[in-house]
N, C-alpha and C. Protein backbone atom coordinates (compact mmCIF):
# COMPACT_ATOMS: atom_id res chain seq x y z
N MET A 1 0.85 -1.18 0.00
CA MET A 1 0.00 0.00 0.00
C MET A 1 0.90 1.24 0.00
N PRO A 2 0.67 2.18 -0.92
CA PRO A 2 1.49 3.38 -0.98
C PRO A 2 1.38 4.23 0.29
N LEU A 3 2.41 5.04 0.54
CA LEU A 3 2.46 5.87 1.73
C LEU A 3 1.25 6.81 1.82
N GLU A 4 0.81 7.37 0.68
CA GLU A 4 -0.34 8.28 0.69
C GLU A 4 -1.59 7.56 1.19
N SER A 5 -1.76 6.32 0.78
CA SER A 5 -2.92 5.54 1.21
C SER A 5 -2.84 5.24 2.70
N LEU A 6 -1.64 4.87 3.19
CA LEU A 6 -1.48 4.62 4.62
C LEU A 6 -1.75 5.88 5.44
N THR A 7 -1.30 7.02 4.93
CA THR A 7 -1.53 8.28 5.62
C THR A 7 -3.02 8.60 5.67
N SER A 8 -3.74 8.34 4.58
CA SER A 8 -5.17 8.62 4.58
C SER A 8 -5.93 7.67 5.51
N VAL A 9 -5.47 6.42 5.61
CA VAL A 9 -6.08 5.48 6.56
C VAL A 9 -5.81 5.96 7.99
N ALA A 10 -4.59 6.40 8.26
CA ALA A 10 -4.26 6.92 9.59
C ALA A 10 -5.10 8.14 9.92
N LEU A 11 -5.27 9.04 8.97
CA LEU A 11 -6.12 10.22 9.16
C LEU A 11 -7.55 9.78 9.48
N GLY A 12 -8.05 8.81 8.73
CA GLY A 12 -9.41 8.32 8.95
C GLY A 12 -9.59 7.70 10.33
N ILE A 13 -8.63 6.92 10.77
CA ILE A 13 -8.71 6.28 12.08
C ILE A 13 -8.65 7.33 13.19
N GLY A 14 -7.78 8.33 13.03
CA GLY A 14 -7.71 9.41 14.03
C GLY A 14 -9.02 10.18 14.14
N LEU A 15 -9.59 10.54 12.99
CA LEU A 15 -10.87 11.25 13.00
C LEU A 15 -11.98 10.38 13.58
N ALA A 16 -11.97 9.10 13.25
CA ALA A 16 -12.99 8.18 13.77
C ALA A 16 -12.91 8.08 15.29
N ALA A 17 -11.69 7.99 15.81
CA ALA A 17 -11.53 7.92 17.27
C ALA A 17 -12.09 9.19 17.92
N ALA A 18 -11.87 10.32 17.29
CA ALA A 18 -12.37 11.59 17.84
C ALA A 18 -13.89 11.65 17.85
N THR A 19 -14.55 10.97 16.89
CA THR A 19 -16.02 10.99 16.88
C THR A 19 -16.60 10.24 18.08
N GLY A 20 -15.80 9.42 18.72
CA GLY A 20 -16.25 8.76 19.94
C GLY A 20 -16.38 9.71 21.11
N PHE A 21 -15.65 10.82 21.05
CA PHE A 21 -15.76 11.85 22.09
C PHE A 21 -16.89 12.84 21.76
N ARG A 22 -16.94 13.29 20.53
CA ARG A 22 -18.00 14.19 20.05
C ARG A 22 -18.31 13.80 18.61
N LEU A 23 -19.57 13.66 18.30
CA LEU A 23 -19.97 13.18 16.97
C LEU A 23 -19.66 14.19 15.87
N PHE A 24 -19.98 15.44 16.09
CA PHE A 24 -19.98 16.41 15.01
C PHE A 24 -18.70 17.23 14.88
N LEU A 25 -18.00 17.45 15.96
CA LEU A 25 -16.79 18.29 15.91
C LEU A 25 -15.71 17.75 14.97
N PRO A 26 -15.38 16.45 15.01
CA PRO A 26 -14.36 15.95 14.07
C PRO A 26 -14.80 16.06 12.61
N LEU A 27 -16.08 15.82 12.34
CA LEU A 27 -16.58 15.95 10.97
C LEU A 27 -16.53 17.41 10.53
N LEU A 28 -16.84 18.33 11.43
CA LEU A 28 -16.74 19.76 11.13
C LEU A 28 -15.30 20.14 10.80
N LEU A 29 -14.37 19.69 11.63
CA LEU A 29 -12.96 20.04 11.40
C LEU A 29 -12.43 19.41 10.11
N ALA A 30 -12.86 18.19 9.82
CA ALA A 30 -12.46 17.56 8.55
C ALA A 30 -13.04 18.34 7.38
N GLY A 31 -14.30 18.75 7.47
CA GLY A 31 -14.92 19.54 6.41
C GLY A 31 -14.22 20.87 6.19
N LEU A 32 -13.86 21.53 7.30
CA LEU A 32 -13.14 22.81 7.19
C LEU A 32 -11.76 22.61 6.59
N ALA A 33 -11.07 21.53 7.01
CA ALA A 33 -9.73 21.24 6.45
C ALA A 33 -9.83 20.95 4.96
N ALA A 34 -10.87 20.25 4.55
CA ALA A 34 -11.06 19.96 3.12
C ALA A 34 -11.43 21.23 2.37
N ARG A 35 -12.25 22.06 2.98
CA ARG A 35 -12.69 23.31 2.33
C ARG A 35 -11.50 24.22 2.06
N THR A 36 -10.53 24.24 2.98
CA THR A 36 -9.35 25.09 2.82
C THR A 36 -8.25 24.41 2.00
N GLY A 37 -8.51 23.17 1.56
CA GLY A 37 -7.54 22.47 0.73
C GLY A 37 -6.44 21.76 1.50
N PHE A 38 -6.59 21.67 2.82
CA PHE A 38 -5.55 21.04 3.63
C PHE A 38 -5.57 19.52 3.50
N ILE A 39 -6.77 18.95 3.35
CA ILE A 39 -6.88 17.50 3.14
C ILE A 39 -7.82 17.24 1.96
N PRO A 40 -7.60 16.15 1.25
CA PRO A 40 -8.55 15.78 0.19
C PRO A 40 -9.66 14.91 0.77
N LEU A 41 -10.77 14.88 0.08
CA LEU A 41 -11.88 14.01 0.46
C LEU A 41 -12.03 12.90 -0.57
N SER A 42 -12.52 11.76 -0.12
CA SER A 42 -12.77 10.63 -1.01
C SER A 42 -13.91 10.97 -1.96
N ASP A 43 -13.97 10.23 -3.05
CA ASP A 43 -15.08 10.40 -3.99
C ASP A 43 -16.40 10.20 -3.27
N GLY A 44 -17.33 11.09 -3.53
CA GLY A 44 -18.65 11.00 -2.92
C GLY A 44 -18.77 11.71 -1.58
N PHE A 45 -17.69 12.29 -1.08
CA PHE A 45 -17.73 12.97 0.21
C PHE A 45 -17.46 14.47 0.11
N SER A 46 -17.53 15.03 -1.09
CA SER A 46 -17.28 16.46 -1.25
C SER A 46 -18.33 17.29 -0.51
N TRP A 47 -19.50 16.71 -0.26
CA TRP A 47 -20.56 17.40 0.48
C TRP A 47 -20.08 17.84 1.86
N LEU A 48 -19.10 17.13 2.44
CA LEU A 48 -18.61 17.43 3.78
C LEU A 48 -18.00 18.83 3.86
N ALA A 49 -17.47 19.33 2.75
CA ALA A 49 -16.85 20.66 2.71
C ALA A 49 -17.81 21.73 2.18
N SER A 50 -19.06 21.36 1.94
CA SER A 50 -20.02 22.34 1.41
C SER A 50 -20.49 23.29 2.51
N THR A 51 -20.93 24.46 2.11
CA THR A 51 -21.40 25.44 3.08
C THR A 51 -22.57 24.92 3.90
N PRO A 52 -23.60 24.32 3.30
CA PRO A 52 -24.70 23.80 4.13
C PRO A 52 -24.23 22.74 5.14
N ALA A 53 -23.34 21.85 4.73
CA ALA A 53 -22.86 20.82 5.65
C ALA A 53 -22.05 21.44 6.78
N LEU A 54 -21.19 22.41 6.45
CA LEU A 54 -20.39 23.06 7.49
C LEU A 54 -21.27 23.82 8.48
N LEU A 55 -22.30 24.50 7.98
CA LEU A 55 -23.23 25.20 8.87
C LEU A 55 -23.97 24.22 9.77
N MET A 56 -24.45 23.13 9.18
CA MET A 56 -25.16 22.12 9.96
C MET A 56 -24.24 21.47 10.99
N LEU A 57 -23.04 21.09 10.58
CA LEU A 57 -22.10 20.46 11.50
C LEU A 57 -21.67 21.43 12.61
N GLY A 58 -21.47 22.68 12.26
CA GLY A 58 -21.10 23.68 13.26
C GLY A 58 -22.19 23.87 14.30
N THR A 59 -23.43 23.98 13.82
CA THR A 59 -24.57 24.14 14.73
C THR A 59 -24.72 22.90 15.61
N ALA A 60 -24.65 21.73 15.00
CA ALA A 60 -24.78 20.48 15.75
C ALA A 60 -23.66 20.33 16.77
N ALA A 61 -22.44 20.71 16.40
CA ALA A 61 -21.30 20.61 17.32
C ALA A 61 -21.50 21.50 18.54
N VAL A 62 -22.00 22.72 18.33
CA VAL A 62 -22.25 23.63 19.45
C VAL A 62 -23.33 23.06 20.37
N PHE A 63 -24.44 22.63 19.79
CA PHE A 63 -25.53 22.09 20.60
C PHE A 63 -25.12 20.82 21.33
N GLU A 64 -24.39 19.95 20.65
CA GLU A 64 -23.93 18.72 21.30
C GLU A 64 -23.01 19.03 22.47
N THR A 65 -22.07 19.93 22.26
CA THR A 65 -21.13 20.28 23.31
C THR A 65 -21.86 20.87 24.52
N LEU A 66 -22.78 21.79 24.27
CA LEU A 66 -23.52 22.42 25.37
C LEU A 66 -24.43 21.42 26.08
N ALA A 67 -25.05 20.51 25.34
CA ALA A 67 -25.98 19.55 25.94
C ALA A 67 -25.27 18.62 26.92
N TYR A 68 -24.00 18.35 26.68
CA TYR A 68 -23.25 17.48 27.59
C TYR A 68 -23.00 18.14 28.95
N TYR A 69 -23.29 19.42 29.09
CA TYR A 69 -23.14 20.10 30.37
C TYR A 69 -24.44 20.10 31.18
N ILE A 70 -25.50 19.53 30.64
CA ILE A 70 -26.79 19.50 31.34
C ILE A 70 -26.92 18.15 32.04
N PRO A 71 -27.03 18.16 33.38
CA PRO A 71 -27.15 16.89 34.12
C PRO A 71 -28.35 16.07 33.63
N GLY A 72 -28.14 14.80 33.48
CA GLY A 72 -29.18 13.90 33.01
C GLY A 72 -29.19 13.80 31.49
N ILE A 73 -29.14 14.95 30.83
CA ILE A 73 -29.10 14.97 29.36
C ILE A 73 -27.79 14.34 28.89
N ASP A 74 -26.71 14.57 29.65
CA ASP A 74 -25.42 14.00 29.26
C ASP A 74 -25.48 12.47 29.21
N HIS A 75 -26.15 11.85 30.17
CA HIS A 75 -26.27 10.39 30.15
C HIS A 75 -27.20 9.92 29.03
N LEU A 76 -28.26 10.65 28.80
CA LEU A 76 -29.17 10.32 27.71
C LEU A 76 -28.44 10.41 26.36
N LEU A 77 -27.63 11.46 26.21
CA LEU A 77 -26.84 11.61 24.98
C LEU A 77 -25.86 10.45 24.80
N ASP A 78 -25.28 9.98 25.89
CA ASP A 78 -24.37 8.84 25.78
C ASP A 78 -25.09 7.62 25.23
N LEU A 79 -26.34 7.41 25.66
CA LEU A 79 -27.11 6.28 25.15
C LEU A 79 -27.42 6.43 23.67
N VAL A 80 -27.84 7.62 23.28
CA VAL A 80 -28.20 7.87 21.88
C VAL A 80 -26.96 7.93 20.99
N ALA A 81 -25.91 8.54 21.51
CA ALA A 81 -24.71 8.74 20.70
C ALA A 81 -23.89 7.47 20.50
N GLY A 82 -24.12 6.45 21.31
CA GLY A 82 -23.36 5.21 21.15
C GLY A 82 -23.44 4.64 19.74
N PRO A 83 -24.64 4.29 19.28
CA PRO A 83 -24.75 3.76 17.91
C PRO A 83 -24.39 4.81 16.85
N LEU A 84 -24.70 6.07 17.13
CA LEU A 84 -24.38 7.12 16.15
C LEU A 84 -22.87 7.32 16.01
N ALA A 85 -22.13 7.08 17.08
CA ALA A 85 -20.67 7.20 17.01
C ALA A 85 -20.08 6.19 16.03
N LEU A 86 -20.67 5.00 15.99
CA LEU A 86 -20.19 3.99 15.03
C LEU A 86 -20.36 4.51 13.61
N ALA A 87 -21.54 5.06 13.31
CA ALA A 87 -21.80 5.60 11.97
C ALA A 87 -20.90 6.80 11.68
N ALA A 88 -20.73 7.69 12.65
CA ALA A 88 -19.87 8.86 12.46
C ALA A 88 -18.42 8.44 12.24
N GLY A 89 -17.99 7.40 12.94
CA GLY A 89 -16.63 6.89 12.76
C GLY A 89 -16.41 6.33 11.36
N VAL A 90 -17.41 5.62 10.86
CA VAL A 90 -17.32 5.09 9.50
C VAL A 90 -17.28 6.23 8.48
N ILE A 91 -18.16 7.21 8.64
CA ILE A 91 -18.19 8.36 7.72
C ILE A 91 -16.89 9.14 7.79
N ALA A 92 -16.43 9.43 9.01
CA ALA A 92 -15.20 10.22 9.16
C ALA A 92 -14.02 9.51 8.51
N SER A 93 -13.91 8.22 8.73
CA SER A 93 -12.75 7.52 8.17
C SER A 93 -12.88 7.34 6.65
N ALA A 94 -14.05 6.97 6.18
CA ALA A 94 -14.23 6.77 4.73
C ALA A 94 -14.07 8.07 3.96
N SER A 95 -14.45 9.18 4.56
CA SER A 95 -14.41 10.46 3.84
C SER A 95 -13.01 10.90 3.46
N VAL A 96 -12.01 10.41 4.18
CA VAL A 96 -10.64 10.87 3.92
C VAL A 96 -9.72 9.78 3.38
N MET A 97 -10.24 8.58 3.20
CA MET A 97 -9.41 7.49 2.68
C MET A 97 -9.37 7.57 1.16
N THR A 98 -8.58 8.50 0.68
CA THR A 98 -8.46 8.72 -0.76
C THR A 98 -7.52 7.70 -1.38
N ASP A 99 -7.65 7.53 -2.65
CA ASP A 99 -6.79 6.63 -3.42
C ASP A 99 -6.86 5.17 -2.96
N LEU A 100 -7.94 4.79 -2.32
CA LEU A 100 -8.13 3.39 -1.95
C LEU A 100 -9.28 2.82 -2.77
N ASP A 101 -9.12 1.61 -3.19
CA ASP A 101 -10.20 0.90 -3.88
C ASP A 101 -11.36 0.77 -2.89
N PRO A 102 -12.59 1.07 -3.30
CA PRO A 102 -13.74 0.94 -2.40
C PRO A 102 -13.86 -0.44 -1.75
N ALA A 103 -13.40 -1.47 -2.45
CA ALA A 103 -13.44 -2.82 -1.88
C ALA A 103 -12.53 -2.94 -0.67
N LEU A 104 -11.54 -2.07 -0.55
CA LEU A 104 -10.65 -2.04 0.60
C LEU A 104 -11.05 -0.94 1.57
N MET A 105 -11.47 0.21 1.03
CA MET A 105 -11.80 1.36 1.86
C MET A 105 -12.96 1.07 2.82
N TRP A 106 -14.05 0.51 2.30
CA TRP A 106 -15.24 0.31 3.15
C TRP A 106 -15.01 -0.68 4.28
N PRO A 107 -14.36 -1.82 4.05
CA PRO A 107 -14.09 -2.70 5.21
C PRO A 107 -13.21 -2.03 6.26
N ILE A 108 -12.20 -1.27 5.82
CA ILE A 108 -11.34 -0.57 6.78
C ILE A 108 -12.15 0.48 7.53
N ALA A 109 -12.98 1.23 6.80
CA ALA A 109 -13.79 2.28 7.44
C ALA A 109 -14.78 1.68 8.44
N ILE A 110 -15.40 0.58 8.07
CA ILE A 110 -16.40 -0.03 8.95
C ILE A 110 -15.74 -0.69 10.17
N ILE A 111 -14.69 -1.48 9.92
CA ILE A 111 -14.07 -2.21 11.02
C ILE A 111 -13.20 -1.30 11.88
N ALA A 112 -12.24 -0.61 11.26
CA ALA A 112 -11.33 0.23 12.04
C ALA A 112 -12.00 1.54 12.47
N GLY A 113 -12.63 2.23 11.53
CA GLY A 113 -13.26 3.52 11.86
C GLY A 113 -14.42 3.37 12.82
N GLY A 114 -15.37 2.52 12.47
CA GLY A 114 -16.51 2.30 13.35
C GLY A 114 -16.10 1.66 14.67
N GLY A 115 -15.16 0.74 14.59
CA GLY A 115 -14.70 0.06 15.80
C GLY A 115 -14.04 0.99 16.80
N ILE A 116 -13.11 1.81 16.32
CA ILE A 116 -12.41 2.71 17.26
C ILE A 116 -13.36 3.79 17.78
N ALA A 117 -14.30 4.23 16.97
CA ALA A 117 -15.29 5.20 17.45
C ALA A 117 -16.13 4.58 18.56
N GLY A 118 -16.52 3.32 18.38
CA GLY A 118 -17.29 2.63 19.41
C GLY A 118 -16.52 2.43 20.70
N VAL A 119 -15.26 2.07 20.59
CA VAL A 119 -14.42 1.89 21.78
C VAL A 119 -14.25 3.22 22.51
N THR A 120 -13.98 4.28 21.76
CA THR A 120 -13.81 5.60 22.38
C THR A 120 -15.10 6.04 23.05
N LYS A 121 -16.23 5.88 22.37
CA LYS A 121 -17.52 6.30 22.93
C LYS A 121 -17.87 5.49 24.16
N GLY A 122 -17.70 4.18 24.07
CA GLY A 122 -18.01 3.33 25.22
C GLY A 122 -17.15 3.66 26.42
N SER A 123 -15.89 3.91 26.19
CA SER A 123 -14.98 4.25 27.29
C SER A 123 -15.34 5.58 27.92
N SER A 124 -15.63 6.58 27.10
CA SER A 124 -15.97 7.89 27.65
C SER A 124 -17.31 7.83 28.38
N ALA A 125 -18.26 7.04 27.90
CA ALA A 125 -19.55 6.90 28.59
C ALA A 125 -19.35 6.21 29.94
N LEU A 126 -18.46 5.23 29.98
CA LEU A 126 -18.17 4.54 31.23
C LEU A 126 -17.52 5.49 32.24
N VAL A 127 -16.58 6.30 31.76
CA VAL A 127 -15.95 7.29 32.64
C VAL A 127 -16.99 8.28 33.17
N ARG A 128 -17.90 8.73 32.30
CA ARG A 128 -18.93 9.68 32.73
C ARG A 128 -19.84 9.03 33.79
N ALA A 129 -20.24 7.79 33.55
CA ALA A 129 -21.12 7.11 34.51
C ALA A 129 -20.42 6.93 35.86
N LYS A 130 -19.18 6.53 35.80
CA LYS A 130 -18.40 6.33 37.03
C LYS A 130 -18.20 7.66 37.77
N THR A 131 -17.88 8.70 37.03
CA THR A 131 -17.70 10.02 37.62
C THR A 131 -19.02 10.53 38.19
N GLY A 132 -20.11 10.31 37.45
CA GLY A 132 -21.42 10.73 37.93
C GLY A 132 -21.79 10.08 39.24
N LEU A 133 -21.51 8.78 39.38
CA LEU A 133 -21.80 8.08 40.63
C LEU A 133 -20.90 8.57 41.76
N ALA A 134 -19.64 8.76 41.47
CA ALA A 134 -18.68 9.16 42.51
C ALA A 134 -18.87 10.59 42.98
N THR A 135 -19.39 11.47 42.12
CA THR A 135 -19.49 12.89 42.47
C THR A 135 -20.92 13.40 42.47
N ALA A 136 -21.89 12.50 42.39
CA ALA A 136 -23.31 12.88 42.30
C ALA A 136 -23.54 13.80 41.10
N GLY A 137 -22.79 13.58 40.03
CA GLY A 137 -22.97 14.35 38.81
C GLY A 137 -22.18 15.65 38.75
N LEU A 138 -21.58 16.05 39.85
CA LEU A 138 -20.84 17.33 39.88
C LEU A 138 -19.55 17.28 39.07
N GLY A 139 -18.99 16.11 38.87
CA GLY A 139 -17.75 15.99 38.10
C GLY A 139 -17.98 15.83 36.60
N ASN A 140 -19.23 15.65 36.19
CA ASN A 140 -19.50 15.42 34.77
C ASN A 140 -19.13 16.59 33.86
N PRO A 141 -19.27 17.86 34.30
CA PRO A 141 -18.80 18.94 33.43
C PRO A 141 -17.29 18.86 33.14
N VAL A 142 -16.53 18.36 34.09
CA VAL A 142 -15.09 18.20 33.87
C VAL A 142 -14.87 17.13 32.79
N VAL A 143 -15.62 16.03 32.88
CA VAL A 143 -15.53 14.97 31.88
C VAL A 143 -15.94 15.52 30.51
N SER A 144 -17.01 16.31 30.46
CA SER A 144 -17.48 16.89 29.20
C SER A 144 -16.43 17.79 28.58
N THR A 145 -15.79 18.60 29.41
CA THR A 145 -14.74 19.49 28.91
C THR A 145 -13.58 18.68 28.35
N PHE A 146 -13.18 17.64 29.07
CA PHE A 146 -12.09 16.77 28.61
C PHE A 146 -12.44 16.11 27.29
N GLU A 147 -13.69 15.63 27.16
CA GLU A 147 -14.11 14.97 25.92
C GLU A 147 -14.09 15.93 24.74
N THR A 148 -14.59 17.13 24.94
CA THR A 148 -14.59 18.11 23.85
C THR A 148 -13.17 18.48 23.45
N PHE A 149 -12.32 18.71 24.45
CA PHE A 149 -10.92 19.02 24.20
C PHE A 149 -10.24 17.86 23.46
N SER A 150 -10.52 16.63 23.89
CA SER A 150 -9.93 15.45 23.26
C SER A 150 -10.39 15.31 21.81
N ALA A 151 -11.68 15.52 21.56
CA ALA A 151 -12.20 15.44 20.19
C ALA A 151 -11.52 16.47 19.31
N PHE A 152 -11.37 17.69 19.82
CA PHE A 152 -10.74 18.76 19.05
C PHE A 152 -9.27 18.44 18.78
N MET A 153 -8.53 18.13 19.83
CA MET A 153 -7.09 17.90 19.68
C MET A 153 -6.79 16.66 18.83
N LEU A 154 -7.53 15.59 19.04
CA LEU A 154 -7.29 14.38 18.26
C LEU A 154 -7.61 14.63 16.79
N SER A 155 -8.64 15.42 16.52
CA SER A 155 -8.97 15.77 15.12
C SER A 155 -7.86 16.60 14.49
N VAL A 156 -7.38 17.59 15.22
CA VAL A 156 -6.31 18.46 14.71
C VAL A 156 -5.04 17.64 14.47
N ILE A 157 -4.71 16.78 15.43
CA ILE A 157 -3.52 15.94 15.26
C ILE A 157 -3.69 15.01 14.06
N ALA A 158 -4.89 14.43 13.93
CA ALA A 158 -5.14 13.52 12.80
C ALA A 158 -4.99 14.25 11.47
N ILE A 159 -5.47 15.48 11.39
CA ILE A 159 -5.38 16.24 10.16
C ILE A 159 -3.95 16.69 9.87
N ALA A 160 -3.25 17.14 10.91
CA ALA A 160 -1.89 17.66 10.72
C ALA A 160 -0.83 16.56 10.68
N LEU A 161 -0.97 15.56 11.54
CA LEU A 161 0.04 14.51 11.67
C LEU A 161 -0.66 13.15 11.84
N PRO A 162 -1.19 12.60 10.75
CA PRO A 162 -2.00 11.38 10.86
C PRO A 162 -1.32 10.20 11.55
N ILE A 163 -0.05 10.00 11.29
CA ILE A 163 0.65 8.86 11.90
C ILE A 163 0.75 9.06 13.41
N VAL A 164 0.98 10.29 13.86
CA VAL A 164 1.02 10.60 15.30
C VAL A 164 -0.36 10.33 15.92
N ALA A 165 -1.40 10.63 15.18
CA ALA A 165 -2.76 10.37 15.68
C ALA A 165 -2.98 8.89 15.91
N VAL A 166 -2.53 8.04 15.00
CA VAL A 166 -2.71 6.60 15.17
C VAL A 166 -1.90 6.11 16.38
N ILE A 167 -0.69 6.64 16.54
CA ILE A 167 0.11 6.27 17.71
C ILE A 167 -0.61 6.71 18.99
N THR A 168 -1.22 7.88 18.98
CA THR A 168 -1.99 8.37 20.12
C THR A 168 -3.18 7.46 20.40
N VAL A 169 -3.88 7.03 19.36
CA VAL A 169 -5.03 6.14 19.51
C VAL A 169 -4.57 4.79 20.08
N ILE A 170 -3.46 4.27 19.59
CA ILE A 170 -2.94 3.00 20.12
C ILE A 170 -2.57 3.15 21.59
N ALA A 171 -1.92 4.25 21.94
CA ALA A 171 -1.58 4.49 23.35
C ALA A 171 -2.84 4.58 24.21
N LEU A 172 -3.88 5.22 23.69
CA LEU A 172 -5.15 5.32 24.40
C LEU A 172 -5.76 3.93 24.61
N LEU A 173 -5.72 3.10 23.58
CA LEU A 173 -6.26 1.74 23.69
C LEU A 173 -5.48 0.91 24.71
N VAL A 174 -4.17 1.04 24.72
CA VAL A 174 -3.36 0.31 25.70
C VAL A 174 -3.71 0.77 27.11
N TRP A 175 -3.81 2.07 27.30
CA TRP A 175 -4.15 2.62 28.61
C TRP A 175 -5.54 2.15 29.06
N LEU A 176 -6.51 2.20 28.14
CA LEU A 176 -7.87 1.76 28.48
C LEU A 176 -7.90 0.28 28.83
N THR A 177 -7.15 -0.52 28.09
CA THR A 177 -7.10 -1.95 28.37
C THR A 177 -6.54 -2.21 29.76
N LYS A 178 -5.49 -1.51 30.12
CA LYS A 178 -4.90 -1.68 31.45
C LYS A 178 -5.85 -1.18 32.52
N LYS A 179 -6.44 -0.02 32.30
CA LYS A 179 -7.34 0.60 33.29
C LYS A 179 -8.57 -0.27 33.53
N PHE A 180 -9.25 -0.66 32.45
CA PHE A 180 -10.47 -1.42 32.61
C PHE A 180 -10.19 -2.89 32.89
N GLY A 181 -9.02 -3.37 32.51
CA GLY A 181 -8.63 -4.73 32.86
C GLY A 181 -8.45 -4.87 34.36
N LYS A 182 -7.84 -3.88 35.00
CA LYS A 182 -7.68 -3.88 36.46
C LYS A 182 -9.04 -3.78 37.14
N LEU A 183 -9.93 -2.95 36.59
CA LEU A 183 -11.27 -2.80 37.16
C LEU A 183 -12.03 -4.12 37.08
N ALA A 184 -11.99 -4.78 35.95
CA ALA A 184 -12.68 -6.06 35.79
C ALA A 184 -12.10 -7.11 36.73
N PHE A 185 -10.78 -7.12 36.88
CA PHE A 185 -10.13 -8.08 37.77
C PHE A 185 -10.53 -7.83 39.21
N SER A 186 -10.57 -6.57 39.64
CA SER A 186 -10.95 -6.24 41.01
C SER A 186 -12.41 -6.57 41.28
N LEU A 187 -13.27 -6.44 40.30
CA LEU A 187 -14.68 -6.78 40.49
C LEU A 187 -14.87 -8.29 40.63
N ARG A 188 -14.08 -9.07 39.93
CA ARG A 188 -14.18 -10.53 40.02
C ARG A 188 -13.69 -11.04 41.35
N ARG A 189 -12.76 -10.35 41.98
CA ARG A 189 -12.15 -10.81 43.22
C ARG A 189 -13.00 -10.51 44.42
N LYS A 190 -13.94 -9.57 44.32
CA LYS A 190 -14.79 -9.21 45.47
C LYS A 190 -15.81 -10.32 45.73
N PRO A 191 -15.99 -10.68 47.04
CA PRO A 191 -16.97 -11.74 47.36
C PRO A 191 -18.39 -11.30 47.20
């Protein structure tokens, strides 16, 4: 696989991981980057850089971000956003996987893009639930701020340095595996 194709896959995986934190912000940033000519879009995804799509994504990103600061709504959004994160991850990754045969692009977008978006979303929802229980919901705005910041930074890193984004995603997965592996082990040991 040529280096350009690997870079576009890395970009797609980074953007997909970011959609697990916020659905619309990574798509908005990808659309803006494409609109300014910083990244190319795959065939059939030019709509992502269109003015109507950017306005819609911008509005949705603002409302989504603000809604996560409302107690109770944040947990409801986690339930609704779970399946939507998978779709957003597939769209985000497929939209930037240029120069790939569709027979290769779609399986990678569905498995890697949708998969990493689901893992990111599930992990952040678990952290929010745990924080909500431990702080009676008072710590959830901190989690929301971290998620928005993470979605923004991971998207920017993916766009500017796609290989670094994949390394960041792998490090996140290793950390999550260790963190939740210890939690699962401790729960099994309790009588």
